[in-house]
Amino acid sequence: MKVIFTFQPKEEFVNDLRNHFPGAEFSFLKKISNAEEALPDAEIIVTMGEDLTDRHIERARSLKWIMVTSAGLEKMPFEAIRKKDILVTNARGIHKVPMAEFTLGLMLQHAKQLGSVLKQEEEGVWSRRLPTSELYGASLLVLGAGAIGSEIARLAKAFNMKTAGVNSTGKMVEHFDQMFTLRTYKEYLPHADYLVAVLPSTDDTKYTLKTEHFDKMKDTAVFINIGRGDLVEESVLLEAVKTKKIGHIFLDVFEREPLPSAHPFWKEEGISVTPHLSSITKMYMPRALEIFKKNLKAYSNNRSEEMMNVIDTERGY
């Protein structure tokens, strides 16, 4: 069983995998371009999910399973994968703790005006006239009530926030007071103090957030996007803050990454930019590889029905 990694994990992870699966032949490569010779014999490919192309899938004649060590799958060559009936799994669920903590951190940063506090400290200004607020009693609407969204709602409940969510069915999910679908959530927008987007990039979600949605929101509301940058057009965001339709926007994801240094988001006072790091902590790789190890054990024992996070390649998630 030949397993190719198209990235290089730390040595401790490499040794751990080899110790747990002595019968597997592992190849750890720095990037996909180094895998050309190994691809034809690879039975399993482990990837971050952004480097595989149709050509790689076609060249990998023995490929049976692809493990994506992230949750994002929008760059995967699914059509080629479907043609060869290749199994795909991902690391869904490993992001919920860091991304939920990151989101609550941004909400607290806004409520307590910590950005302004830091600026005052740097300038040696003593002023207590900052428009601070509380999360207590505030209303939160989460677009994407999956593992990450549910964890955000759980933490929000610790602050006694009112929580509403959006999923594909509208069925209730733990930690949410109300649930909507992408077709019905607009009715809650006028009540939301915080709108958090955790949606993946699909045909149903691309550019789904429009000017009309910001028109319905409070002019004091905060929008946080930690999902995908193509949820809303950049021009819509800029117009929303310039016309004071919204209180503040926090963006961790963008249509083009890295965000160009000359991009207007950097200097727009109503927008705060972070470099797509909401899920990145030292626990990222251990959690991802733990899922891979459980799945590799099931795969090795011909128990594919026990594998976690199997992806529907038609839907792309």
C-alpha atoms as a PDB file:
ATOM      1  CA  MET A   1       0.000   0.000   0.000  1.00  0.00           C
ATOM      2  CA  LYS A   2       1.724   3.138  -1.256  1.00  0.00           C
ATOM      3  CA  VAL A   3       0.796   6.422   0.421  1.00  0.00           C
ATOM      4  CA  ILE A   4       1.970   9.778  -0.960  1.00  0.00           C
ATOM      5  CA  PHE A   5       1.903  13.024   1.017  1.00  0.00           C
ATOM      6  CA  THR A   6       2.077  16.118  -1.210  1.00  0.00           C
ATOM      7  CA  PHE A   7       3.415  18.142   1.723  1.00  0.00           C
ATOM      8  CA  GLN A   8       6.071  17.545   4.356  1.00  0.00           C
ATOM      9  CA  PRO A   9       4.792  17.046   7.930  1.00  0.00           C
ATOM     10  CA  LYS A  10       7.111  17.432  10.888  1.00  0.00           C
ATOM     11  CA  GLU A  11       9.379  14.492  11.611  1.00  0.00           C
ATOM     12  CA  GLU A  12       7.442  13.541  14.738  1.00  0.00           C
ATOM     13  CA  PHE A  13       4.302  13.004  12.631  1.00  0.00           C
ATOM     14  CA  VAL A  14       6.233  11.079   9.986  1.00  0.00           C
ATOM     15  CA  ASN A  15       7.674   8.729  12.606  1.00  0.00           C
ATOM     16  CA  ASP A  16       4.292   8.286  14.268  1.00  0.00           C
ATOM     17  CA  LEU A  17       2.635   7.228  11.004  1.00  0.00           C
ATOM     18  CA  ARG A  18       5.410   4.792  10.136  1.00  0.00           C
ATOM     19  CA  ASN A  19       5.279   3.278  13.610  1.00  0.00           C
ATOM     20  CA  HIS A  20       1.504   2.826  13.492  1.00  0.00           C
ATOM     21  CA  PHE A  21       1.436   1.456   9.937  1.00  0.00           C
ATOM     22  CA  PRO A  22       4.682  -0.489   9.321  1.00  0.00           C
ATOM     23  CA  GLY A  23       3.144  -2.250   6.331  1.00  0.00           C
ATOM     24  CA  ALA A  24       2.481   0.967   4.426  1.00  0.00           C
ATOM     25  CA  GLU A  25       5.023   2.571   2.103  1.00  0.00           C
ATOM     26  CA  PHE A  26       4.968   6.293   2.851  1.00  0.00           C
ATOM     27  CA  SER A  27       6.454   9.014   0.649  1.00  0.00           C
ATOM     28  CA  PHE A  28       6.559  12.513   2.093  1.00  0.00           C
ATOM     29  CA  LEU A  29       7.113  15.112  -0.618  1.00  0.00           C
ATOM     30  CA  LYS A  30       7.373  18.873  -0.302  1.00  0.00           C
ATOM     31  CA  LYS A  31       4.967  19.547  -3.188  1.00  0.00           C
ATOM     32  CA  ILE A  32       2.973  17.796  -5.878  1.00  0.00           C
ATOM     33  CA  SER A  33       5.586  18.523  -8.563  1.00  0.00           C
ATOM     34  CA  ASN A  34       7.942  16.181  -6.711  1.00  0.00           C
ATOM     35  CA  ALA A  35       5.431  13.339  -6.971  1.00  0.00           C
ATOM     36  CA  GLU A  36       5.445  12.783 -10.738  1.00  0.00           C
ATOM     37  CA  GLU A  37       7.350   9.492 -10.618  1.00  0.00           C
ATOM     38  CA  ALA A  38       5.471   8.170  -7.605  1.00  0.00           C
ATOM     39  CA  LEU A  39       1.941   9.002  -8.779  1.00  0.00           C
ATOM     40  CA  PRO A  40       1.273   5.962 -11.020  1.00  0.00           C
ATOM     41  CA  ASP A  41       1.723   3.532  -8.107  1.00  0.00           C
ATOM     42  CA  ALA A  42       0.053   5.610  -5.395  1.00  0.00           C
ATOM     43  CA  GLU A  43      -2.972   3.981  -3.803  1.00  0.00           C
ATOM     44  CA  ILE A  44      -3.546   6.834  -1.353  1.00  0.00           C
ATOM     45  CA  ILE A  45      -2.772  10.555  -1.682  1.00  0.00           C
ATOM     46  CA  VAL A  46      -2.756  12.891   1.309  1.00  0.00           C
ATOM     47  CA  THR A  47      -3.047  16.545   0.288  1.00  0.00           C
ATOM     48  CA  MET A  48      -3.917  19.981   1.632  1.00  0.00           C
ATOM     49  CA  GLY A  49      -6.532  20.067  -1.134  1.00  0.00           C
ATOM     50  CA  GLU A  50      -5.220  22.822  -3.391  1.00  0.00           C
ATOM     51  CA  ASP A  51      -2.584  21.111  -5.530  1.00  0.00           C
ATOM     52  CA  LEU A  52      -4.254  18.210  -7.348  1.00  0.00           C
ATOM     53  CA  THR A  53      -5.327  18.605 -10.985  1.00  0.00           C
ATOM     54  CA  ASP A  54      -7.130  16.468 -13.557  1.00  0.00           C
ATOM     55  CA  ARG A  55      -3.741  15.432 -14.924  1.00  0.00           C
ATOM     56  CA  HIS A  56      -2.563  14.177 -11.532  1.00  0.00           C
ATOM     57  CA  ILE A  57      -5.718  12.120 -11.079  1.00  0.00           C
ATOM     58  CA  GLU A  58      -5.341  10.595 -14.531  1.00  0.00           C
ATOM     59  CA  ARG A  59      -1.665   9.826 -13.945  1.00  0.00           C
ATOM     60  CA  ALA A  60      -2.380   8.145 -10.598  1.00  0.00           C
ATOM     61  CA  ARG A  61      -3.540   4.879 -12.158  1.00  0.00           C
ATOM     62  CA  SER A  62      -3.728   2.958  -8.854  1.00  0.00           C
ATOM     63  CA  LEU A  63      -5.366   5.711  -6.815  1.00  0.00           C
ATOM     64  CA  LYS A  64      -8.231   4.572  -4.572  1.00  0.00           C
ATOM     65  CA  TRP A  65      -8.476   7.202  -1.837  1.00  0.00           C
ATOM     66  CA  ILE A  66      -7.628  10.897  -1.367  1.00  0.00           C
ATOM     67  CA  MET A  67      -7.350  12.317   2.144  1.00  0.00           C
ATOM     68  CA  VAL A  68      -7.640  16.106   2.289  1.00  0.00           C
ATOM     69  CA  THR A  69      -6.130  17.479   5.504  1.00  0.00           C
ATOM     70  CA  SER A  70      -8.374  20.538   5.448  1.00  0.00           C
ATOM     71  CA  ALA A  71     -12.112  21.136   5.295  1.00  0.00           C
ATOM     72  CA  GLY A  72     -12.045  23.211   2.092  1.00  0.00           C
ATOM     73  CA  LEU A  73     -12.598  21.242  -1.108  1.00  0.00           C
ATOM     74  CA  GLU A  74     -13.457  23.857  -3.722  1.00  0.00           C
ATOM     75  CA  LYS A  75     -10.179  23.382  -5.617  1.00  0.00           C
ATOM     76  CA  MET A  76     -10.442  19.601  -5.891  1.00  0.00           C
ATOM     77  CA  PRO A  77     -10.798  18.134  -9.434  1.00  0.00           C
ATOM     78  CA  PHE A  78     -14.035  16.333  -8.605  1.00  0.00           C
ATOM     79  CA  GLU A  79     -15.076  15.517 -12.163  1.00  0.00           C
ATOM     80  CA  ALA A  80     -11.883  13.534 -12.766  1.00  0.00           C
ATOM     81  CA  ILE A  81     -12.228  11.960  -9.327  1.00  0.00           C
ATOM     82  CA  ARG A  82     -15.807  10.839  -9.998  1.00  0.00           C
ATOM     83  CA  LYS A  83     -14.846   9.250 -13.312  1.00  0.00           C
ATOM     84  CA  LYS A  84     -12.427   6.963 -11.502  1.00  0.00           C
ATOM     85  CA  ASP A  85     -14.726   6.422  -8.511  1.00  0.00           C
ATOM     86  CA  ILE A  86     -12.052   7.547  -6.062  1.00  0.00           C
ATOM     87  CA  LEU A  87     -12.952   7.847  -2.380  1.00  0.00           C
ATOM     88  CA  VAL A  88     -12.413  11.288  -0.847  1.00  0.00           C
ATOM     89  CA  THR A  89     -12.325  12.164   2.847  1.00  0.00           C
ATOM     90  CA  ASN A  90     -11.389  15.396   4.583  1.00  0.00           C
ATOM     91  CA  ALA A  91     -10.555  16.805   8.002  1.00  0.00           C
ATOM     92  CA  ARG A  92     -13.975  18.276   8.702  1.00  0.00           C
ATOM     93  CA  GLY A  93     -14.434  19.046  12.384  1.00  0.00           C
ATOM     94  CA  ILE A  94     -10.843  19.828  13.314  1.00  0.00           C
ATOM     95  CA  HIS A  95     -11.406  23.557  12.836  1.00  0.00           C
ATOM     96  CA  LYS A  96     -14.291  24.033  15.209  1.00  0.00           C
ATOM     97  CA  VAL A  97     -12.284  24.811  18.347  1.00  0.00           C
ATOM     98  CA  PRO A  98      -9.769  27.317  16.916  1.00  0.00           C
ATOM     99  CA  MET A  99     -12.272  28.997  14.577  1.00  0.00           C
ATOM    100  CA  ALA A 100     -14.917  29.352  17.276  1.00  0.00           C
ATOM    101  CA  GLU A 101     -12.365  30.836  19.683  1.00  0.00           C
ATOM    102  CA  PHE A 102     -11.146  33.169  16.931  1.00  0.00           C
ATOM    103  CA  THR A 103     -14.706  34.334  16.244  1.00  0.00           C
ATOM    104  CA  LEU A 104     -15.478  35.007  19.890  1.00  0.00           C
ATOM    105  CA  GLY A 105     -12.169  36.856  20.107  1.00  0.00           C
ATOM    106  CA  LEU A 106     -13.209  39.181  17.283  1.00  0.00           C
ATOM    107  CA  MET A 107     -16.610  39.754  18.842  1.00  0.00           C
ATOM    108  CA  LEU A 108     -15.022  40.621  22.176  1.00  0.00           C
ATOM    109  CA  GLN A 109     -12.461  42.802  20.426  1.00  0.00           C
ATOM    110  CA  HIS A 110     -15.284  44.803  18.877  1.00  0.00           C
ATOM    111  CA  ALA A 111     -17.481  44.935  21.964  1.00  0.00           C
ATOM    112  CA  LYS A 112     -14.630  46.072  24.200  1.00  0.00           C
ATOM    113  CA  GLN A 113     -13.049  48.279  21.514  1.00  0.00           C
ATOM    114  CA  LEU A 114      -9.671  46.623  22.055  1.00  0.00           C
ATOM    115  CA  GLY A 115      -8.326  47.939  18.751  1.00  0.00           C
ATOM    116  CA  SER A 116      -8.911  51.503  19.922  1.00  0.00           C
ATOM    117  CA  VAL A 117      -7.496  50.672  23.356  1.00  0.00           C
ATOM    118  CA  LEU A 118      -4.285  49.401  21.740  1.00  0.00           C
ATOM    119  CA  LYS A 119      -4.025  52.527  19.592  1.00  0.00           C
ATOM    120  CA  GLN A 120      -4.459  54.725  22.660  1.00  0.00           C
ATOM    121  CA  GLU A 121      -1.746  52.783  24.449  1.00  0.00           C
ATOM    122  CA  GLU A 122       0.654  53.211  21.525  1.00  0.00           C
ATOM    123  CA  GLU A 123      -0.055  56.959  21.450  1.00  0.00           C
ATOM    124  CA  GLY A 124       0.049  57.401  25.233  1.00  0.00           C
ATOM    125  CA  VAL A 125      -3.551  58.583  25.392  1.00  0.00           C
ATOM    126  CA  TRP A 126      -5.621  58.128  28.554  1.00  0.00           C
ATOM    127  CA  SER A 127      -9.278  58.170  27.562  1.00  0.00           C
ATOM    128  CA  ARG A 128     -12.224  56.198  28.912  1.00  0.00           C
ATOM    129  CA  ARG A 129     -14.639  57.564  26.323  1.00  0.00           C
ATOM    130  CA  LEU A 130     -14.788  54.485  24.142  1.00  0.00           C
ATOM    131  CA  PRO A 131     -18.141  53.091  22.909  1.00  0.00           C
ATOM    132  CA  THR A 132     -17.772  49.701  24.563  1.00  0.00           C
ATOM    133  CA  SER A 133     -20.616  47.214  24.736  1.00  0.00           C
ATOM    134  CA  GLU A 134     -21.409  43.694  25.945  1.00  0.00           C
ATOM    135  CA  LEU A 135     -22.036  40.377  24.269  1.00  0.00           C
ATOM    136  CA  TYR A 136     -24.619  39.665  26.953  1.00  0.00           C
ATOM    137  CA  GLY A 137     -28.063  39.658  25.358  1.00  0.00           C
ATOM    138  CA  ALA A 138     -26.739  40.392  21.857  1.00  0.00           C
ATOM    139  CA  SER A 139     -28.122  38.494  18.858  1.00  0.00           C
ATOM    140  CA  LEU A 140     -25.879  36.247  16.771  1.00  0.00           C
ATOM    141  CA  LEU A 141     -26.735  34.838  13.335  1.00  0.00           C
ATOM    142  CA  VAL A 142     -24.414  32.110  12.039  1.00  0.00           C
ATOM    143  CA  LEU A 143     -24.470  31.300   8.331  1.00  0.00           C
ATOM    144  CA  GLY A 144     -23.412  27.656   8.366  1.00  0.00           C
ATOM    145  CA  ALA A 145     -24.634  25.748  11.409  1.00  0.00           C
ATOM    146  CA  GLY A 146     -22.261  22.809  11.025  1.00  0.00           C
ATOM    147  CA  ALA A 147     -19.493  21.733  13.396  1.00  0.00           C
ATOM    148  CA  ILE A 148     -17.815  25.160  13.459  1.00  0.00           C
ATOM    149  CA  GLY A 149     -21.038  27.145  13.576  1.00  0.00           C
ATOM    150  CA  SER A 150     -22.394  24.999  16.395  1.00  0.00           C
ATOM    151  CA  GLU A 151     -19.240  25.509  18.440  1.00  0.00           C
ATOM    152  CA  ILE A 152     -19.484  29.268  17.898  1.00  0.00           C
ATOM    153  CA  ALA A 153     -23.083  29.146  19.137  1.00  0.00           C
ATOM    154  CA  ARG A 154     -22.081  27.041  22.158  1.00  0.00           C
ATOM    155  CA  LEU A 155     -19.474  29.574  23.219  1.00  0.00           C
ATOM    156  CA  ALA A 156     -21.872  32.440  22.522  1.00  0.00           C
ATOM    157  CA  LYS A 157     -24.355  30.862  24.908  1.00  0.00           C
ATOM    158  CA  ALA A 158     -21.754  31.199  27.675  1.00  0.00           C
ATOM    159  CA  PHE A 159     -22.144  34.958  27.155  1.00  0.00           C
ATOM    160  CA  ASN A 160     -25.945  34.673  27.213  1.00  0.00           C
ATOM    161  CA  MET A 161     -26.250  35.632  23.564  1.00  0.00           C
ATOM    162  CA  LYS A 162     -29.325  34.889  21.461  1.00  0.00           C
ATOM    163  CA  THR A 163     -28.321  32.460  18.720  1.00  0.00           C
ATOM    164  CA  ALA A 164     -29.812  31.820  15.294  1.00  0.00           C
ATOM    165  CA  GLY A 165     -28.336  29.625  12.576  1.00  0.00           C
ATOM    166  CA  VAL A 166     -28.632  28.830   8.899  1.00  0.00           C
ATOM    167  CA  ASN A 167     -28.337  25.371   7.382  1.00  0.00           C
ATOM    168  CA  SER A 168     -29.611  23.590   4.281  1.00  0.00           C
ATOM    169  CA  THR A 169     -32.693  22.083   5.926  1.00  0.00           C
ATOM    170  CA  GLY A 170     -33.758  24.547   8.596  1.00  0.00           C
ATOM    171  CA  LYS A 171     -33.780  21.725  11.154  1.00  0.00           C
ATOM    172  CA  MET A 172     -32.844  22.694  14.688  1.00  0.00           C
ATOM    173  CA  VAL A 173     -29.253  22.209  15.833  1.00  0.00           C
ATOM    174  CA  GLU A 174     -27.974  22.161  19.404  1.00  0.00           C
ATOM    175  CA  HIS A 175     -26.967  25.537  20.907  1.00  0.00           C
ATOM    176  CA  PHE A 176     -29.207  27.507  18.528  1.00  0.00           C
ATOM    177  CA  ASP A 177     -32.457  29.193  19.556  1.00  0.00           C
ATOM    178  CA  GLN A 178     -33.734  29.461  15.977  1.00  0.00           C
ATOM    179  CA  MET A 179     -32.823  27.940  12.638  1.00  0.00           C
ATOM    180  CA  PHE A 180     -33.291  29.203   9.093  1.00  0.00           C
ATOM    181  CA  THR A 181     -32.317  28.237   5.550  1.00  0.00           C
ATOM    182  CA  LEU A 182     -30.541  30.316   2.910  1.00  0.00           C
ATOM    183  CA  ARG A 183     -33.987  31.241   1.613  1.00  0.00           C
ATOM    184  CA  THR A 184     -35.485  32.333   4.919  1.00  0.00           C
ATOM    185  CA  TYR A 185     -32.709  33.867   7.043  1.00  0.00           C
ATOM    186  CA  LYS A 186     -33.252  37.395   5.693  1.00  0.00           C
ATOM    187  CA  GLU A 187     -36.129  37.825   8.115  1.00  0.00           C
ATOM    188  CA  TYR A 188     -33.665  37.612  11.027  1.00  0.00           C
ATOM    189  CA  LEU A 189     -31.119  40.096   9.649  1.00  0.00           C
ATOM    190  CA  PRO A 190     -32.749  43.185  11.237  1.00  0.00           C
ATOM    191  CA  HIS A 191     -32.302  41.541  14.660  1.00  0.00           C
ATOM    192  CA  ALA A 192     -28.678  40.406  14.304  1.00  0.00           C
ATOM    193  CA  ASP A 193     -25.955  42.248  16.174  1.00  0.00           C
ATOM    194  CA  TYR A 194     -23.327  39.845  14.812  1.00  0.00           C
ATOM    195  CA  LEU A 195     -23.490  38.022  11.483  1.00  0.00           C
ATOM    196  CA  VAL A 196     -20.879  35.264  11.200  1.00  0.00           C
ATOM    197  CA  ALA A 197     -20.310  33.390   7.924  1.00  0.00           C
ATOM    198  CA  VAL A 198     -18.815  29.891   8.028  1.00  0.00           C
ATOM    199  CA  LEU A 199     -20.231  28.696   4.709  1.00  0.00           C
ATOM    200  CA  PRO A 200     -18.219  26.627   2.217  1.00  0.00           C
ATOM    201  CA  SER A 201     -17.828  27.699  -1.405  1.00  0.00           C
ATOM    202  CA  THR A 202     -20.531  25.987  -3.480  1.00  0.00           C
ATOM    203  CA  ASP A 203     -22.843  26.918  -6.335  1.00  0.00           C
ATOM    204  CA  ASP A 204     -25.522  27.700  -3.733  1.00  0.00           C
ATOM    205  CA  THR A 205     -23.350  29.995  -1.615  1.00  0.00           C
ATOM    206  CA  LYS A 206     -21.228  31.901  -4.135  1.00  0.00           C
ATOM    207  CA  TYR A 207     -22.067  35.635  -3.970  1.00  0.00           C
ATOM    208  CA  THR A 208     -25.218  34.810  -2.060  1.00  0.00           C
ATOM    209  CA  LEU A 209     -24.746  37.737   0.343  1.00  0.00           C
ATOM    210  CA  LYS A 210     -25.716  40.917  -1.480  1.00  0.00           C
ATOM    211  CA  THR A 211     -26.372  44.616  -0.910  1.00  0.00           C
ATOM    212  CA  GLU A 212     -30.003  43.880  -0.034  1.00  0.00           C
ATOM    213  CA  HIS A 213     -28.852  41.836   2.954  1.00  0.00           C
ATOM    214  CA  PHE A 214     -26.725  44.644   4.366  1.00  0.00           C
ATOM    215  CA  ASP A 215     -29.632  47.045   3.771  1.00  0.00           C
ATOM    216  CA  LYS A 216     -31.698  44.968   6.201  1.00  0.00           C
ATOM    217  CA  MET A 217     -29.053  44.915   8.957  1.00  0.00           C
ATOM    218  CA  LYS A 218     -28.591  47.283  11.868  1.00  0.00           C
ATOM    219  CA  ASP A 219     -26.110  50.070  11.182  1.00  0.00           C
ATOM    220  CA  THR A 220     -24.325  48.942  14.365  1.00  0.00           C
ATOM    221  CA  ALA A 221     -24.089  45.281  13.326  1.00  0.00           C
ATOM    222  CA  VAL A 222     -20.820  43.426  12.797  1.00  0.00           C
ATOM    223  CA  PHE A 223     -20.120  41.042   9.907  1.00  0.00           C
ATOM    224  CA  ILE A 224     -17.430  38.369  10.344  1.00  0.00           C
ATOM    225  CA  ASN A 225     -16.434  36.105   7.447  1.00  0.00           C
ATOM    226  CA  ILE A 226     -14.284  33.086   8.299  1.00  0.00           C
ATOM    227  CA  GLY A 227     -15.817  30.814   5.639  1.00  0.00           C
ATOM    228  CA  ARG A 228     -14.973  31.604   2.019  1.00  0.00           C
ATOM    229  CA  GLY A 229     -14.168  34.869   0.286  1.00  0.00           C
ATOM    230  CA  ASP A 230     -16.595  34.363  -2.600  1.00  0.00           C
ATOM    231  CA  LEU A 231     -19.647  34.559  -0.339  1.00  0.00           C
ATOM    232  CA  VAL A 232     -19.945  38.278  -1.104  1.00  0.00           C
ATOM    233  CA  GLU A 233     -18.467  40.555  -3.759  1.00  0.00           C
ATOM    234  CA  GLU A 234     -15.764  42.896  -2.520  1.00  0.00           C
ATOM    235  CA  SER A 235     -17.579  45.936  -3.912  1.00  0.00           C
ATOM    236  CA  VAL A 236     -20.619  45.107  -1.769  1.00  0.00           C
ATOM    237  CA  LEU A 237     -18.483  45.050   1.392  1.00  0.00           C
ATOM    238  CA  LEU A 238     -16.759  48.322   0.582  1.00  0.00           C
ATOM    239  CA  GLU A 239     -20.060  50.012  -0.187  1.00  0.00           C
ATOM    240  CA  ALA A 240     -21.587  48.722   3.066  1.00  0.00           C
ATOM    241  CA  VAL A 241     -18.889  50.283   5.258  1.00  0.00           C
ATOM    242  CA  LYS A 242     -18.475  53.486   3.247  1.00  0.00           C
ATOM    243  CA  THR A 243     -22.203  54.213   3.458  1.00  0.00           C
ATOM    244  CA  LYS A 244     -22.323  53.253   7.148  1.00  0.00           C
ATOM    245  CA  LYS A 245     -24.828  50.440   6.561  1.00  0.00           C
ATOM    246  CA  ILE A 246     -22.950  48.338   9.081  1.00  0.00           C
ATOM    247  CA  GLY A 247     -20.846  48.927  12.176  1.00  0.00           C
ATOM    248  CA  HIS A 248     -17.765  46.910  11.258  1.00  0.00           C
ATOM    249  CA  ILE A 249     -16.529  44.070   9.056  1.00  0.00           C
ATOM    250  CA  PHE A 250     -13.918  41.452   9.997  1.00  0.00           C
ATOM    251  CA  LEU A 251     -12.518  39.433   7.097  1.00  0.00           C
ATOM    252  CA  ASP A 252     -10.273  36.373   7.382  1.00  0.00           C
ATOM    253  CA  VAL A 253     -10.989  35.008   3.881  1.00  0.00           C
ATOM    254  CA  PHE A 254     -10.790  36.623   0.451  1.00  0.00           C
ATOM    255  CA  GLU A 255     -11.442  35.866  -3.196  1.00  0.00           C
ATOM    256  CA  ARG A 256      -7.760  36.332  -3.929  1.00  0.00           C
ATOM    257  CA  GLU A 257      -5.185  35.198  -1.395  1.00  0.00           C
ATOM    258  CA  PRO A 258      -2.760  36.505  -0.331  1.00  0.00           C
ATOM    259  CA  LEU A 259      -4.660  39.787  -0.299  1.00  0.00           C
ATOM    260  CA  PRO A 260      -2.629  42.272  -2.413  1.00  0.00           C
ATOM    261  CA  SER A 261      -0.872  44.947  -0.362  1.00  0.00           C
ATOM    262  CA  ALA A 262      -2.563  47.701  -2.389  1.00  0.00           C
ATOM    263  CA  HIS A 263      -6.061  46.332  -1.813  1.00  0.00           C
ATOM    264  CA  PRO A 264      -8.486  48.919  -0.326  1.00  0.00           C
ATOM    265  CA  PHE A 265      -9.516  46.520   2.449  1.00  0.00           C
ATOM    266  CA  TRP A 266      -6.212  47.172   4.230  1.00  0.00           C
ATOM    267  CA  LYS A 267      -6.843  50.894   4.684  1.00  0.00           C
ATOM    268  CA  GLU A 268     -10.609  50.960   5.022  1.00  0.00           C
ATOM    269  CA  GLU A 269     -11.371  52.043   8.590  1.00  0.00           C
ATOM    270  CA  GLY A 270     -14.540  49.959   8.772  1.00  0.00           C
ATOM    271  CA  ILE A 271     -12.817  46.717   7.760  1.00  0.00           C
ATOM    272  CA  SER A 272     -10.347  44.622   9.746  1.00  0.00           C
ATOM    273  CA  VAL A 273      -8.201  42.119   7.850  1.00  0.00           C
ATOM    274  CA  THR A 274      -6.622  38.916   9.143  1.00  0.00           C
ATOM    275  CA  PRO A 275      -4.565  36.597   6.862  1.00  0.00           C
ATOM    276  CA  HIS A 276      -6.777  33.463   6.761  1.00  0.00           C
ATOM    277  CA  LEU A 277      -5.513  32.195  10.096  1.00  0.00           C
ATOM    278  CA  SER A 278      -8.707  31.514  12.056  1.00  0.00           C
ATOM    279  CA  SER A 279      -8.081  27.748  11.977  1.00  0.00           C
ATOM    280  CA  ILE A 280      -4.311  27.767  12.401  1.00  0.00           C
ATOM    281  CA  THR A 281      -2.916  26.637  15.736  1.00  0.00           C
ATOM    282  CA  LYS A 282      -0.273  24.108  16.724  1.00  0.00           C
ATOM    283  CA  MET A 283      -3.083  21.539  17.069  1.00  0.00           C
ATOM    284  CA  TYR A 284      -4.088  21.699  13.380  1.00  0.00           C
ATOM    285  CA  MET A 285      -1.857  18.921  12.031  1.00  0.00           C
ATOM    286  CA  PRO A 286      -2.192  16.551  15.017  1.00  0.00           C
ATOM    287  CA  ARG A 287      -5.994  16.691  14.672  1.00  0.00           C
ATOM    288  CA  ALA A 288      -5.919  16.233  10.894  1.00  0.00           C
ATOM    289  CA  LEU A 289      -3.544  13.289  11.061  1.00  0.00           C
ATOM    290  CA  GLU A 290      -5.551  11.689  13.843  1.00  0.00           C
ATOM    291  CA  ILE A 291      -8.516  11.522  11.454  1.00  0.00           C
ATOM    292  CA  PHE A 292      -6.227  10.147   8.749  1.00  0.00           C
ATOM    293  CA  LYS A 293      -4.894   7.448  11.085  1.00  0.00           C
ATOM    294  CA  LYS A 294      -8.406   6.318  12.045  1.00  0.00           C
ATOM    295  CA  ASN A 295      -9.423   6.199   8.400  1.00  0.00           C
ATOM    296  CA  LEU A 296      -6.237   4.425   7.315  1.00  0.00           C
ATOM    297  CA  LYS A 297      -6.857   1.751   9.934  1.00  0.00           C
ATOM    298  CA  ALA A 298     -10.401   1.243   8.623  1.00  0.00           C
ATOM    299  CA  TYR A 299      -9.188   1.274   5.014  1.00  0.00           C
ATOM    300  CA  SER A 300      -6.435  -1.254   5.766  1.00  0.00           C
ATOM    301  CA  ASN A 301      -9.012  -3.582   7.321  1.00  0.00           C
ATOM    302  CA  ASN A 302     -11.342  -3.244   4.310  1.00  0.00           C
ATOM    303  CA  ARG A 303     -13.886  -1.408   6.424  1.00  0.00           C
ATOM    304  CA  SER A 304     -14.463   1.679   4.317  1.00  0.00           C
ATOM    305  CA  GLU A 305     -17.951   2.009   5.822  1.00  0.00           C
ATOM    306  CA  GLU A 306     -16.248   2.998   9.108  1.00  0.00           C
ATOM    307  CA  MET A 307     -14.256   5.850   7.572  1.00  0.00           C
ATOM    308  CA  MET A 308     -14.908   9.384   8.806  1.00  0.00           C
ATOM    309  CA  ASN A 309     -15.790  12.470   6.768  1.00  0.00           C
ATOM    310  CA  VAL A 310     -16.509  10.740   3.467  1.00  0.00           C
ATOM    311  CA  ILE A 311     -17.241  13.382   0.819  1.00  0.00           C
ATOM    312  CA  ASP A 312     -20.107  13.348  -1.664  1.00  0.00           C
ATOM    313  CA  THR A 313     -18.133  14.153  -4.806  1.00  0.00           C
ATOM    314  CA  GLU A 314     -21.304  15.244  -6.611  1.00  0.00           C
ATOM    315  CA  ARG A 315     -22.058  17.948  -4.045  1.00  0.00           C
ATOM    316  CA  GLY A 316     -18.427  18.708  -3.270  1.00  0.00           C
ATOM    317  CA  TYR A 317     -18.796  18.443   0.505  1.00  0.00           C
END
